[in-house]
Amino acid sequence: MSFEVVFFIVFGAIASYFLYSVIRHGGLRGAIFGAKISSSIGEVSGYKRGLVSQKLKVHLLETDDHAAPRVGIELTSSAPGSWNTVPIRLSDDGVRELISLLEQSLESPPPREKP
């Protein structure tokens, strides 16, 4: 077989798997998380610096396995001409730990300014 034939077979297999994943998980976001998104809980906008904006979105994921992560956090950064998203799956324990860390950060005193 020539290189071109092998290339197109491999490319077709990867594209087919990606398409199957998008259909199976109900869209691109579901495919990124590897689970269907049952609902979006909400989003928080981050501090905007210049033309770069950030959002943190929280999703509830459908899973067949009760031990699998059920919460998806989507971190999205966008700027003119670019867009980046990072999916993070958290188990119930991971969500509790994140809540604890966020509460600790609110309770800690603000940093002192340097003279």
PDB file of N, CA and C in Angstrom:
ATOM      1  N   MET A   1       0.829  -1.178   0.000  1.00  0.00           N
ATOM      2  CA  MET A   1       0.000   0.000   0.000  1.00  0.00           C
ATOM      3  C   MET A   1       0.875   1.243   0.000  1.00  0.00           C
ATOM      4  N   SER A   2       0.396   2.258  -0.687  1.00  0.00           N
ATOM      5  CA  SER A   2       1.156   3.503  -0.737  1.00  0.00           C
ATOM      6  C   SER A   2       0.898   4.317   0.533  1.00  0.00           C
ATOM      7  N   PHE A   3       1.741   5.284   0.746  1.00  0.00           N
ATOM      8  CA  PHE A   3       1.646   6.154   1.915  1.00  0.00           C
ATOM      9  C   PHE A   3       0.307   6.897   1.942  1.00  0.00           C
ATOM     10  N   GLU A   4      -0.139   7.359   0.776  1.00  0.00           N
ATOM     11  CA  GLU A   4      -1.388   8.120   0.702  1.00  0.00           C
ATOM     12  C   GLU A   4      -2.586   7.287   1.154  1.00  0.00           C
ATOM     13  N   VAL A   5      -2.627   6.032   0.739  1.00  0.00           N
ATOM     14  CA  VAL A   5      -3.738   5.154   1.119  1.00  0.00           C
ATOM     15  C   VAL A   5      -3.734   4.924   2.631  1.00  0.00           C
ATOM     16  N   VAL A   6      -2.564   4.639   3.190  1.00  0.00           N
ATOM     17  CA  VAL A   6      -2.444   4.424   4.635  1.00  0.00           C
ATOM     18  C   VAL A   6      -2.845   5.692   5.384  1.00  0.00           C
ATOM     19  N   PHE A   7      -2.394   6.846   4.890  1.00  0.00           N
ATOM     20  CA  PHE A   7      -2.720   8.127   5.521  1.00  0.00           C
ATOM     21  C   PHE A   7      -4.230   8.338   5.562  1.00  0.00           C
ATOM     22  N   PHE A   8      -4.914   8.124   4.442  1.00  0.00           N
ATOM     23  CA  PHE A   8      -6.351   8.348   4.395  1.00  0.00           C
ATOM     24  C   PHE A   8      -7.120   7.327   5.225  1.00  0.00           C
ATOM     25  N   ILE A   9      -6.625   6.113   5.340  1.00  0.00           N
ATOM     26  CA  ILE A   9      -7.275   5.114   6.197  1.00  0.00           C
ATOM     27  C   ILE A   9      -7.164   5.534   7.660  1.00  0.00           C
ATOM     28  N   VAL A  10      -5.976   5.949   8.086  1.00  0.00           N
ATOM     29  CA  VAL A  10      -5.773   6.395   9.470  1.00  0.00           C
ATOM     30  C   VAL A  10      -6.585   7.656   9.740  1.00  0.00           C
ATOM     31  N   PHE A  11      -6.542   8.623   8.824  1.00  0.00           N
ATOM     32  CA  PHE A  11      -7.305   9.862   8.979  1.00  0.00           C
ATOM     33  C   PHE A  11      -8.800   9.566   9.056  1.00  0.00           C
ATOM     34  N   GLY A  12      -9.305   8.689   8.223  1.00  0.00           N
ATOM     35  CA  GLY A  12     -10.714   8.320   8.235  1.00  0.00           C
ATOM     36  C   GLY A  12     -11.117   7.638   9.530  1.00  0.00           C
ATOM     37  N   ALA A  13     -10.234   6.790  10.060  1.00  0.00           N
ATOM     38  CA  ALA A  13     -10.527   6.109  11.321  1.00  0.00           C
ATOM     39  C   ALA A  13     -10.616   7.112  12.472  1.00  0.00           C
ATOM     40  N   ILE A  14      -9.695   8.063  12.520  1.00  0.00           N
ATOM     41  CA  ILE A  14      -9.709   9.083  13.576  1.00  0.00           C
ATOM     42  C   ILE A  14     -10.943   9.969  13.443  1.00  0.00           C
ATOM     43  N   ALA A  15     -11.254  10.404  12.238  1.00  0.00           N
ATOM     44  CA  ALA A  15     -12.429  11.250  12.012  1.00  0.00           C
ATOM     45  C   ALA A  15     -13.710  10.502  12.366  1.00  0.00           C
ATOM     46  N   SER A  16     -13.778   9.225  12.029  1.00  0.00           N
ATOM     47  CA  SER A  16     -14.965   8.426  12.346  1.00  0.00           C
ATOM     48  C   SER A  16     -15.143   8.275  13.853  1.00  0.00           C
ATOM     49  N   TYR A  17     -14.055   8.033  14.574  1.00  0.00           N
ATOM     50  CA  TYR A  17     -14.123   7.910  16.030  1.00  0.00           C
ATOM     51  C   TYR A  17     -14.582   9.224  16.656  1.00  0.00           C
ATOM     52  N   PHE A  18     -14.051  10.354  16.168  1.00  0.00           N
ATOM     53  CA  PHE A  18     -14.439  11.658  16.684  1.00  0.00           C
ATOM     54  C   PHE A  18     -15.924  11.911  16.437  1.00  0.00           C
ATOM     55  N   LEU A  19     -16.407  11.627  15.248  1.00  0.00           N
ATOM     56  CA  LEU A  19     -17.814  11.814  14.914  1.00  0.00           C
ATOM     57  C   LEU A  19     -18.700  10.918  15.783  1.00  0.00           C
ATOM     58  N   TYR A  20     -18.291   9.679  15.988  1.00  0.00           N
ATOM     59  CA  TYR A  20     -19.019   8.753  16.860  1.00  0.00           C
ATOM     60  C   TYR A  20     -19.097   9.311  18.280  1.00  0.00           C
ATOM     61  N   SER A  21     -17.994   9.857  18.782  1.00  0.00           N
ATOM     62  CA  SER A  21     -17.963  10.414  20.130  1.00  0.00           C
ATOM     63  C   SER A  21     -18.877  11.629  20.255  1.00  0.00           C
ATOM     64  N   VAL A  22     -18.903  12.481  19.240  1.00  0.00           N
ATOM     65  CA  VAL A  22     -19.775  13.659  19.253  1.00  0.00           C
ATOM     66  C   VAL A  22     -21.234  13.220  19.273  1.00  0.00           C
ATOM     67  N   ILE A  23     -21.594  12.246  18.471  1.00  0.00           N
ATOM     68  CA  ILE A  23     -22.979  11.763  18.423  1.00  0.00           C
ATOM     69  C   ILE A  23     -23.346  11.056  19.723  1.00  0.00           C
ATOM     70  N   ARG A  24     -22.468  10.221  20.226  1.00  0.00           N
ATOM     71  CA  ARG A  24     -22.737   9.433  21.437  1.00  0.00           C
ATOM     72  C   ARG A  24     -22.925  10.313  22.666  1.00  0.00           C
ATOM     73  N   HIS A  25     -22.132  11.390  22.773  1.00  0.00           N
ATOM     74  CA  HIS A  25     -22.177  12.247  23.964  1.00  0.00           C
ATOM     75  C   HIS A  25     -23.011  13.507  23.766  1.00  0.00           C
ATOM     76  N   GLY A  26     -23.723  13.620  22.654  1.00  0.00           N
ATOM     77  CA  GLY A  26     -24.663  14.705  22.472  1.00  0.00           C
ATOM     78  C   GLY A  26     -24.079  16.043  22.088  1.00  0.00           C
ATOM     79  N   GLY A  27     -22.940  16.070  21.440  1.00  0.00           N
ATOM     80  CA  GLY A  27     -22.365  17.332  20.977  1.00  0.00           C
ATOM     81  C   GLY A  27     -20.882  17.433  21.271  1.00  0.00           C
ATOM     82  N   LEU A  28     -20.299  18.552  20.843  1.00  0.00           N
ATOM     83  CA  LEU A  28     -18.855  18.744  21.021  1.00  0.00           C
ATOM     84  C   LEU A  28     -18.458  18.819  22.490  1.00  0.00           C
ATOM     85  N   ARG A  29     -19.233  19.567  23.283  1.00  0.00           N
ATOM     86  CA  ARG A  29     -18.886  19.673  24.709  1.00  0.00           C
ATOM     87  C   ARG A  29     -18.960  18.322  25.388  1.00  0.00           C
ATOM     88  N   GLY A  30     -19.988  17.553  25.087  1.00  0.00           N
ATOM     89  CA  GLY A  30     -20.096  16.216  25.657  1.00  0.00           C
ATOM     90  C   GLY A  30     -18.930  15.334  25.249  1.00  0.00           C
ATOM     91  N   ALA A  31     -18.516  15.452  23.985  1.00  0.00           N
ATOM     92  CA  ALA A  31     -17.375  14.667  23.512  1.00  0.00           C
ATOM     93  C   ALA A  31     -16.098  15.086  24.228  1.00  0.00           C
ATOM     94  N   ILE A  32     -15.945  16.368  24.496  1.00  0.00           N
ATOM     95  CA  ILE A  32     -14.749  16.848  25.200  1.00  0.00           C
ATOM     96  C   ILE A  32     -14.704  16.288  26.620  1.00  0.00           C
ATOM     97  N   PHE A  33     -15.881  16.250  27.291  1.00  0.00           N
ATOM     98  CA  PHE A  33     -15.930  15.720  28.656  1.00  0.00           C
ATOM     99  C   PHE A  33     -15.972  14.202  28.694  1.00  0.00           C
ATOM    100  N   GLY A  34     -16.335  13.568  27.587  1.00  0.00           N
ATOM    101  CA  GLY A  34     -16.448  12.119  27.565  1.00  0.00           C
ATOM    102  C   GLY A  34     -17.718  11.631  28.226  1.00  0.00           C
ATOM    103  N   ALA A  35     -18.698  12.517  28.374  1.00  0.00           N
ATOM    104  CA  ALA A  35     -19.988  12.177  28.968  1.00  0.00           C
ATOM    105  C   ALA A  35     -21.019  13.184  28.487  1.00  0.00           C
ATOM    106  N   LYS A  36     -22.251  12.772  28.473  1.00  0.00           N
ATOM    107  CA  LYS A  36     -23.324  13.670  28.048  1.00  0.00           C
ATOM    108  C   LYS A  36     -23.585  14.707  29.144  1.00  0.00           C
ATOM    109  N   ILE A  37     -23.789  15.958  28.750  1.00  0.00           N
ATOM    110  CA  ILE A  37     -24.091  17.018  29.705  1.00  0.00           C
ATOM    111  C   ILE A  37     -25.599  17.027  29.928  1.00  0.00           C
ATOM    112  N   SER A  38     -26.029  16.749  31.177  1.00  0.00           N
ATOM    113  CA  SER A  38     -27.457  16.730  31.460  1.00  0.00           C
ATOM    114  C   SER A  38     -27.991  18.134  31.707  1.00  0.00           C
ATOM    115  N   SER A  39     -27.179  18.997  32.316  1.00  0.00           N
ATOM    116  CA  SER A  39     -27.599  20.386  32.502  1.00  0.00           C
ATOM    117  C   SER A  39     -26.372  21.251  32.786  1.00  0.00           C
ATOM    118  N   SER A  40     -26.506  22.520  32.464  1.00  0.00           N
ATOM    119  CA  SER A  40     -25.472  23.503  32.795  1.00  0.00           C
ATOM    120  C   SER A  40     -25.949  24.248  34.028  1.00  0.00           C
ATOM    121  N   ILE A  41     -25.146  24.226  35.070  1.00  0.00           N
ATOM    122  CA  ILE A  41     -25.521  24.825  36.345  1.00  0.00           C
ATOM    123  C   ILE A  41     -25.394  26.345  36.287  1.00  0.00           C
ATOM    124  N   GLY A  42     -24.304  26.840  35.728  1.00  0.00           N
ATOM    125  CA  GLY A  42     -24.094  28.282  35.642  1.00  0.00           C
ATOM    126  C   GLY A  42     -22.690  28.595  35.197  1.00  0.00           C
ATOM    127  N   GLU A  43     -22.404  29.891  35.129  1.00  0.00           N
ATOM    128  CA  GLU A  43     -21.065  30.324  34.720  1.00  0.00           C
ATOM    129  C   GLU A  43     -20.666  31.569  35.482  1.00  0.00           C
ATOM    130  N   VAL A  44     -19.355  31.754  35.605  1.00  0.00           N
ATOM    131  CA  VAL A  44     -18.774  32.911  36.265  1.00  0.00           C
ATOM    132  C   VAL A  44     -17.760  33.509  35.310  1.00  0.00           C
ATOM    133  N   SER A  45     -17.847  34.821  35.118  1.00  0.00           N
ATOM    134  CA  SER A  45     -16.872  35.499  34.266  1.00  0.00           C
ATOM    135  C   SER A  45     -15.651  35.860  35.102  1.00  0.00           C
ATOM    136  N   GLY A  46     -14.484  35.616  34.538  1.00  0.00           N
ATOM    137  CA  GLY A  46     -13.247  35.957  35.214  1.00  0.00           C
ATOM    138  C   GLY A  46     -12.857  37.395  34.943  1.00  0.00           C
ATOM    139  N   TYR A  47     -11.790  37.805  35.565  1.00  0.00           N
ATOM    140  CA  TYR A  47     -11.265  39.152  35.383  1.00  0.00           C
ATOM    141  C   TYR A  47     -10.812  39.321  33.943  1.00  0.00           C
ATOM    142  N   LYS A  48     -11.286  40.361  33.288  1.00  0.00           N
ATOM    143  CA  LYS A  48     -10.949  40.593  31.886  1.00  0.00           C
ATOM    144  C   LYS A  48      -9.701  41.462  31.812  1.00  0.00           C
ATOM    145  N   ARG A  49      -8.698  40.971  31.082  1.00  0.00           N
ATOM    146  CA  ARG A  49      -7.448  41.714  30.894  1.00  0.00           C
ATOM    147  C   ARG A  49      -7.328  42.061  29.426  1.00  0.00           C
ATOM    148  N   GLY A  50      -7.484  43.321  29.112  1.00  0.00           N
ATOM    149  CA  GLY A  50      -7.391  43.743  27.727  1.00  0.00           C
ATOM    150  C   GLY A  50      -8.491  43.103  26.899  1.00  0.00           C
ATOM    151  N   LEU A  51      -8.100  42.432  25.840  1.00  0.00           N
ATOM    152  CA  LEU A  51      -9.058  41.783  24.955  1.00  0.00           C
ATOM    153  C   LEU A  51      -9.305  40.324  25.316  1.00  0.00           C
ATOM    154  N   VAL A  52      -8.633  39.835  26.353  1.00  0.00           N
ATOM    155  CA  VAL A  52      -8.757  38.427  26.746  1.00  0.00           C
ATOM    156  C   VAL A  52      -9.828  38.299  27.830  1.00  0.00           C
ATOM    157  N   SER A  53     -10.813  37.432  27.593  1.00  0.00           N
ATOM    158  CA  SER A  53     -11.839  37.179  28.596  1.00  0.00           C
ATOM    159  C   SER A  53     -11.834  35.697  28.961  1.00  0.00           C
ATOM    160  N   GLN A  54     -12.240  35.432  30.198  1.00  0.00           N
ATOM    161  CA  GLN A  54     -12.280  34.056  30.696  1.00  0.00           C
ATOM    162  C   GLN A  54     -13.629  33.788  31.338  1.00  0.00           C
ATOM    163  N   LYS A  55     -14.101  32.560  31.196  1.00  0.00           N
ATOM    164  CA  LYS A  55     -15.339  32.116  31.828  1.00  0.00           C
ATOM    165  C   LYS A  55     -15.126  30.738  32.416  1.00  0.00           C
ATOM    166  N   LEU A  56     -15.769  30.505  33.531  1.00  0.00           N
ATOM    167  CA  LEU A  56     -15.763  29.203  34.174  1.00  0.00           C
ATOM    168  C   LEU A  56     -17.211  28.722  34.198  1.00  0.00           C
ATOM    169  N   LYS A  57     -17.469  27.607  33.530  1.00  0.00           N
ATOM    170  CA  LYS A  57     -18.830  27.069  33.446  1.00  0.00           C
ATOM    171  C   LYS A  57     -18.887  25.740  34.188  1.00  0.00           C
ATOM    172  N   VAL A  58     -19.997  25.506  34.883  1.00  0.00           N
ATOM    173  CA  VAL A  58     -20.179  24.274  35.645  1.00  0.00           C
ATOM    174  C   VAL A  58     -21.324  23.482  35.014  1.00  0.00           C
ATOM    175  N   HIS A  59     -21.045  22.213  34.722  1.00  0.00           N
ATOM    176  CA  HIS A  59     -22.023  21.328  34.084  1.00  0.00           C
ATOM    177  C   HIS A  59     -22.231  20.083  34.940  1.00  0.00           C
ATOM    178  N   LEU A  60     -23.435  19.540  34.886  1.00  0.00           N
ATOM    179  CA  LEU A  60     -23.724  18.259  35.498  1.00  0.00           C
ATOM    180  C   LEU A  60     -23.669  17.210  34.394  1.00  0.00           C
ATOM    181  N   LEU A  61     -22.861  16.165  34.598  1.00  0.00           N
ATOM    182  CA  LEU A  61     -22.637  15.147  33.579  1.00  0.00           C
ATOM    183  C   LEU A  61     -23.455  13.899  33.865  1.00  0.00           C
ATOM    184  N   GLU A  62     -23.944  13.270  32.803  1.00  0.00           N
ATOM    185  CA  GLU A  62     -24.638  11.985  32.922  1.00  0.00           C
ATOM    186  C   GLU A  62     -23.605  10.869  32.835  1.00  0.00           C
ATOM    187  N   THR A  63     -23.597  10.004  33.835  1.00  0.00           N
ATOM    188  CA  THR A  63     -22.694   8.859  33.808  1.00  0.00           C
ATOM    189  C   THR A  63     -23.453   7.612  34.227  1.00  0.00           C
ATOM    190  N   ASP A  64     -23.090   6.479  33.638  1.00  0.00           N
ATOM    191  CA  ASP A  64     -23.697   5.204  34.013  1.00  0.00           C
ATOM    192  C   ASP A  64     -23.061   4.658  35.288  1.00  0.00           C
ATOM    193  N   ASP A  65     -21.786   4.961  35.459  1.00  0.00           N
ATOM    194  CA  ASP A  65     -21.019   4.483  36.610  1.00  0.00           C
ATOM    195  C   ASP A  65     -21.128   5.514  37.737  1.00  0.00           C
ATOM    196  N   HIS A  66     -21.599   5.098  38.905  1.00  0.00           N
ATOM    197  CA  HIS A  66     -21.773   6.029  40.022  1.00  0.00           C
ATOM    198  C   HIS A  66     -20.443   6.511  40.585  1.00  0.00           C
ATOM    199  N   ALA A  67     -19.349   5.797  40.320  1.00  0.00           N
ATOM    200  CA  ALA A  67     -18.046   6.215  40.803  1.00  0.00           C
ATOM    201  C   ALA A  67     -17.380   7.223  39.857  1.00  0.00           C
ATOM    202  N   ALA A  68     -17.911   7.367  38.655  1.00  0.00           N
ATOM    203  CA  ALA A  68     -17.313   8.275  37.670  1.00  0.00           C
ATOM    204  C   ALA A  68     -17.619   9.728  38.037  1.00  0.00           C
ATOM    205  N   PRO A  69     -16.754  10.648  37.622  1.00  0.00           N
ATOM    206  CA  PRO A  69     -17.002  12.066  37.908  1.00  0.00           C
ATOM    207  C   PRO A  69     -18.335  12.528  37.324  1.00  0.00           C
ATOM    208  N   ARG A  70     -19.104  13.307  38.127  1.00  0.00           N
ATOM    209  CA  ARG A  70     -20.412  13.778  37.687  1.00  0.00           C
ATOM    210  C   ARG A  70     -20.445  15.275  37.406  1.00  0.00           C
ATOM    211  N   VAL A  71     -19.394  15.987  37.783  1.00  0.00           N
ATOM    212  CA  VAL A  71     -19.370  17.430  37.597  1.00  0.00           C
ATOM    213  C   VAL A  71     -18.278  17.779  36.596  1.00  0.00           C
ATOM    214  N   GLY A  72     -18.640  18.615  35.631  1.00  0.00           N
ATOM    215  CA  GLY A  72     -17.677  19.077  34.645  1.00  0.00           C
ATOM    216  C   GLY A  72     -17.482  20.577  34.782  1.00  0.00           C
ATOM    217  N   ILE A  73     -16.248  21.001  34.835  1.00  0.00           N
ATOM    218  CA  ILE A  73     -15.919  22.421  34.868  1.00  0.00           C
ATOM    219  C   ILE A  73     -15.239  22.748  33.547  1.00  0.00           C
ATOM    220  N   GLU A  74     -15.750  23.753  32.880  1.00  0.00           N
ATOM    221  CA  GLU A  74     -15.230  24.160  31.576  1.00  0.00           C
ATOM    222  C   GLU A  74     -14.609  25.542  31.722  1.00  0.00           C
ATOM    223  N   LEU A  75     -13.303  25.626  31.534  1.00  0.00           N
ATOM    224  CA  LEU A  75     -12.586  26.898  31.588  1.00  0.00           C
ATOM    225  C   LEU A  75     -12.367  27.363  30.157  1.00  0.00           C
ATOM    226  N   THR A  76     -12.947  28.515  29.820  1.00  0.00           N
ATOM    227  CA  THR A  76     -12.871  29.030  28.457  1.00  0.00           C
ATOM    228  C   THR A  76     -12.164  30.371  28.455  1.00  0.00           C
ATOM    229  N   SER A  77     -11.164  30.502  27.594  1.00  0.00           N
ATOM    230  CA  SER A  77     -10.473  31.770  27.382  1.00  0.00           C
ATOM    231  C   SER A  77     -10.668  32.164  25.933  1.00  0.00           C
ATOM    232  N   SER A  78     -10.976  33.436  25.726  1.00  0.00           N
ATOM    233  CA  SER A  78     -11.157  33.881  24.345  1.00  0.00           C
ATOM    234  C   SER A  78     -10.536  35.254  24.151  1.00  0.00           C
ATOM    235  N   ALA A  79     -10.043  35.452  22.955  1.00  0.00           N
ATOM    236  CA  ALA A  79      -9.451  36.708  22.524  1.00  0.00           C
ATOM    237  C   ALA A  79      -9.749  36.818  21.031  1.00  0.00           C
ATOM    238  N   PRO A  80      -9.580  37.997  20.463  1.00  0.00           N
ATOM    239  CA  PRO A  80      -9.809  38.106  19.016  1.00  0.00           C
ATOM    240  C   PRO A  80      -8.931  37.119  18.246  1.00  0.00           C
ATOM    241  N   GLY A  81      -9.571  36.266  17.499  1.00  0.00           N
ATOM    242  CA  GLY A  81      -8.837  35.297  16.684  1.00  0.00           C
ATOM    243  C   GLY A  81      -8.434  34.030  17.400  1.00  0.00           C
ATOM    244  N   SER A  82      -8.784  33.880  18.685  1.00  0.00           N
ATOM    245  CA  SER A  82      -8.424  32.643  19.377  1.00  0.00           C
ATOM    246  C   SER A  82      -9.476  32.280  20.411  1.00  0.00           C
ATOM    247  N   TRP A  83      -9.572  30.981  20.673  1.00  0.00           N
ATOM    248  CA  TRP A  83     -10.521  30.454  21.637  1.00  0.00           C
ATOM    249  C   TRP A  83      -9.928  29.168  22.187  1.00  0.00           C
ATOM    250  N   ASN A  84      -9.985  29.010  23.493  1.00  0.00           N
ATOM    251  CA  ASN A  84      -9.420  27.825  24.118  1.00  0.00           C
ATOM    252  C   ASN A  84     -10.357  27.362  25.228  1.00  0.00           C
ATOM    253  N   THR A  85     -10.609  26.076  25.271  1.00  0.00           N
ATOM    254  CA  THR A  85     -11.425  25.529  26.352  1.00  0.00           C
ATOM    255  C   THR A  85     -10.704  24.345  26.981  1.00  0.00           C
ATOM    256  N   VAL A  86     -10.795  24.262  28.306  1.00  0.00           N
ATOM    257  CA  VAL A  86     -10.168  23.176  29.054  1.00  0.00           C
ATOM    258  C   VAL A  86     -11.249  22.498  29.886  1.00  0.00           C
ATOM    259  N   PRO A  87     -11.533  21.221  29.618  1.00  0.00           N
ATOM    260  CA  PRO A  87     -12.525  20.511  30.425  1.00  0.00           C
ATOM    261  C   PRO A  87     -11.874  19.865  31.641  1.00  0.00           C
ATOM    262  N   ILE A  88     -12.559  19.947  32.773  1.00  0.00           N
ATOM    263  CA  ILE A  88     -12.077  19.322  34.003  1.00  0.00           C
ATOM    264  C   ILE A  88     -13.238  18.537  34.589  1.00  0.00           C
ATOM    265  N   ARG A  89     -13.049  17.240  34.784  1.00  0.00           N
ATOM    266  CA  ARG A  89     -14.083  16.391  35.396  1.00  0.00           C
ATOM    267  C   ARG A  89     -13.733  16.178  36.858  1.00  0.00           C
ATOM    268  N   LEU A  90     -14.726  16.379  37.722  1.00  0.00           N
ATOM    269  CA  LEU A  90     -14.503  16.220  39.156  1.00  0.00           C
ATOM    270  C   LEU A  90     -15.487  15.217  39.747  1.00  0.00           C
ATOM    271  N   SER A  91     -14.974  14.391  40.648  1.00  0.00           N
ATOM    272  CA  SER A  91     -15.835  13.483  41.408  1.00  0.00           C
ATOM    273  C   SER A  91     -16.490  14.292  42.531  1.00  0.00           C
ATOM    274  N   ASP A  92     -17.393  13.663  43.258  1.00  0.00           N
ATOM    275  CA  ASP A  92     -18.035  14.347  44.384  1.00  0.00           C
ATOM    276  C   ASP A  92     -16.992  14.810  45.402  1.00  0.00           C
ATOM    277  N   ASP A  93     -16.000  13.956  45.680  1.00  0.00           N
ATOM    278  CA  ASP A  93     -14.938  14.335  46.622  1.00  0.00           C
ATOM    279  C   ASP A  93     -14.117  15.500  46.086  1.00  0.00           C
ATOM    280  N   GLY A  94     -13.854  15.501  44.786  1.00  0.00           N
ATOM    281  CA  GLY A  94     -13.108  16.605  44.179  1.00  0.00           C
ATOM    282  C   GLY A  94     -13.865  17.914  44.264  1.00  0.00           C
ATOM    283  N   VAL A  95     -15.188  17.857  44.102  1.00  0.00           N
ATOM    284  CA  VAL A  95     -16.016  19.064  44.219  1.00  0.00           C
ATOM    285  C   VAL A  95     -15.964  19.589  45.649  1.00  0.00           C
ATOM    286  N   ARG A  96     -16.077  18.694  46.626  1.00  0.00           N
ATOM    287  CA  ARG A  96     -16.007  19.113  48.035  1.00  0.00           C
ATOM    288  C   ARG A  96     -14.652  19.740  48.348  1.00  0.00           C
ATOM    289  N   GLU A  97     -13.583  19.156  47.827  1.00  0.00           N
ATOM    290  CA  GLU A  97     -12.247  19.703  48.063  1.00  0.00           C
ATOM    291  C   GLU A  97     -12.101  21.082  47.421  1.00  0.00           C
ATOM    292  N   LEU A  98     -12.620  21.251  46.210  1.00  0.00           N
ATOM    293  CA  LEU A  98     -12.575  22.550  45.541  1.00  0.00           C
ATOM    294  C   LEU A  98     -13.355  23.590  46.335  1.00  0.00           C
ATOM    295  N   ILE A  99     -14.537  23.233  46.825  1.00  0.00           N
ATOM    296  CA  ILE A  99     -15.332  24.153  47.644  1.00  0.00           C
ATOM    297  C   ILE A  99     -14.544  24.562  48.881  1.00  0.00           C
ATOM    298  N   SER A 100     -13.906  23.597  49.528  1.00  0.00           N
ATOM    299  CA  SER A 100     -13.113  23.877  50.727  1.00  0.00           C
ATOM    300  C   SER A 100     -11.963  24.834  50.423  1.00  0.00           C
ATOM    301  N   LEU A 101     -11.267  24.602  49.317  1.00  0.00           N
ATOM    302  CA  LEU A 101     -10.147  25.481  48.957  1.00  0.00           C
ATOM    303  C   LEU A 101     -10.620  26.892  48.635  1.00  0.00           C
ATOM    304  N   LEU A 102     -11.751  27.017  47.941  1.00  0.00           N
ATOM    305  CA  LEU A 102     -12.283  28.340  47.631  1.00  0.00           C
ATOM    306  C   LEU A 102     -12.718  29.071  48.900  1.00  0.00           C
ATOM    307  N   GLU A 103     -13.331  28.347  49.834  1.00  0.00           N
ATOM    308  CA  GLU A 103     -13.713  28.968  51.101  1.00  0.00           C
ATOM    309  C   GLU A 103     -12.489  29.411  51.890  1.00  0.00           C
ATOM    310  N   GLN A 104     -11.424  28.597  51.881  1.00  0.00           N
ATOM    311  CA  GLN A 104     -10.184  28.981  52.573  1.00  0.00           C
ATOM    312  C   GLN A 104      -9.586  30.240  51.969  1.00  0.00           C
ATOM    313  N   SER A 105      -9.670  30.361  50.648  1.00  0.00           N
ATOM    314  CA  SER A 105      -9.090  31.543  50.003  1.00  0.00           C
ATOM    315  C   SER A 105      -9.865  32.802  50.373  1.00  0.00           C
ATOM    316  N   LEU A 106     -11.180  32.683  50.609  1.00  0.00           N
ATOM    317  CA  LEU A 106     -11.967  33.840  51.022  1.00  0.00           C
ATOM    318  C   LEU A 106     -11.689  34.232  52.470  1.00  0.00           C
ATOM    319  N   GLU A 107     -11.366  33.257  53.313  1.00  0.00           N
ATOM    320  CA  GLU A 107     -11.123  33.510  54.735  1.00  0.00           C
ATOM    321  C   GLU A 107      -9.717  34.019  55.010  1.00  0.00           C
ATOM    322  N   SER A 108      -8.785  33.786  54.123  1.00  0.00           N
ATOM    323  CA  SER A 108      -7.408  34.212  54.371  1.00  0.00           C
ATOM    324  C   SER A 108      -7.301  35.725  54.202  1.00  0.00           C
ATOM    325  N   PRO A 109      -6.404  36.363  54.964  1.00  0.00           N
ATOM    326  CA  PRO A 109      -6.258  37.821  54.863  1.00  0.00           C
ATOM    327  C   PRO A 109      -5.665  38.204  53.507  1.00  0.00           C
ATOM    328  N   PRO A 110      -6.037  39.394  53.005  1.00  0.00           N
ATOM    329  CA  PRO A 110      -5.469  39.824  51.713  1.00  0.00           C
ATOM    330  C   PRO A 110      -3.960  40.058  51.844  1.00  0.00           C
ATOM    331  N   PRO A 111      -3.218  39.869  50.771  1.00  0.00           N
ATOM    332  CA  PRO A 111      -1.759  40.087  50.842  1.00  0.00           C
ATOM    333  C   PRO A 111      -1.450  41.545  51.086  1.00  0.00           C
ATOM    334  N   ARG A 112      -0.378  41.764  51.851  1.00  0.00           N
ATOM    335  CA  ARG A 112       0.058  43.134  52.119  1.00  0.00           C
ATOM    336  C   ARG A 112       0.772  43.685  50.903  1.00  0.00           C
ATOM    337  N   GLU A 113       0.583  44.972  50.684  1.00  0.00           N
ATOM    338  CA  GLU A 113       1.285  45.621  49.589  1.00  0.00           C
ATOM    339  C   GLU A 113       2.711  45.917  49.990  1.00  0.00           C
ATOM    340  N   LYS A 114       3.620  45.808  49.056  1.00  0.00           N
ATOM    341  CA  LYS A 114       5.022  46.092  49.340  1.00  0.00           C
ATOM    342  C   LYS A 114       5.228  47.601  49.356  1.00  0.00           C
ATOM    343  N   PRO A 115       6.008  48.076  50.335  1.00  0.00           N
ATOM    344  CA  PRO A 115       6.239  49.539  50.432  1.00  0.00           C
ATOM    345  C   PRO A 115       7.105  50.055  49.304  1.00  0.00           C
TER     346      PRO A 115
END
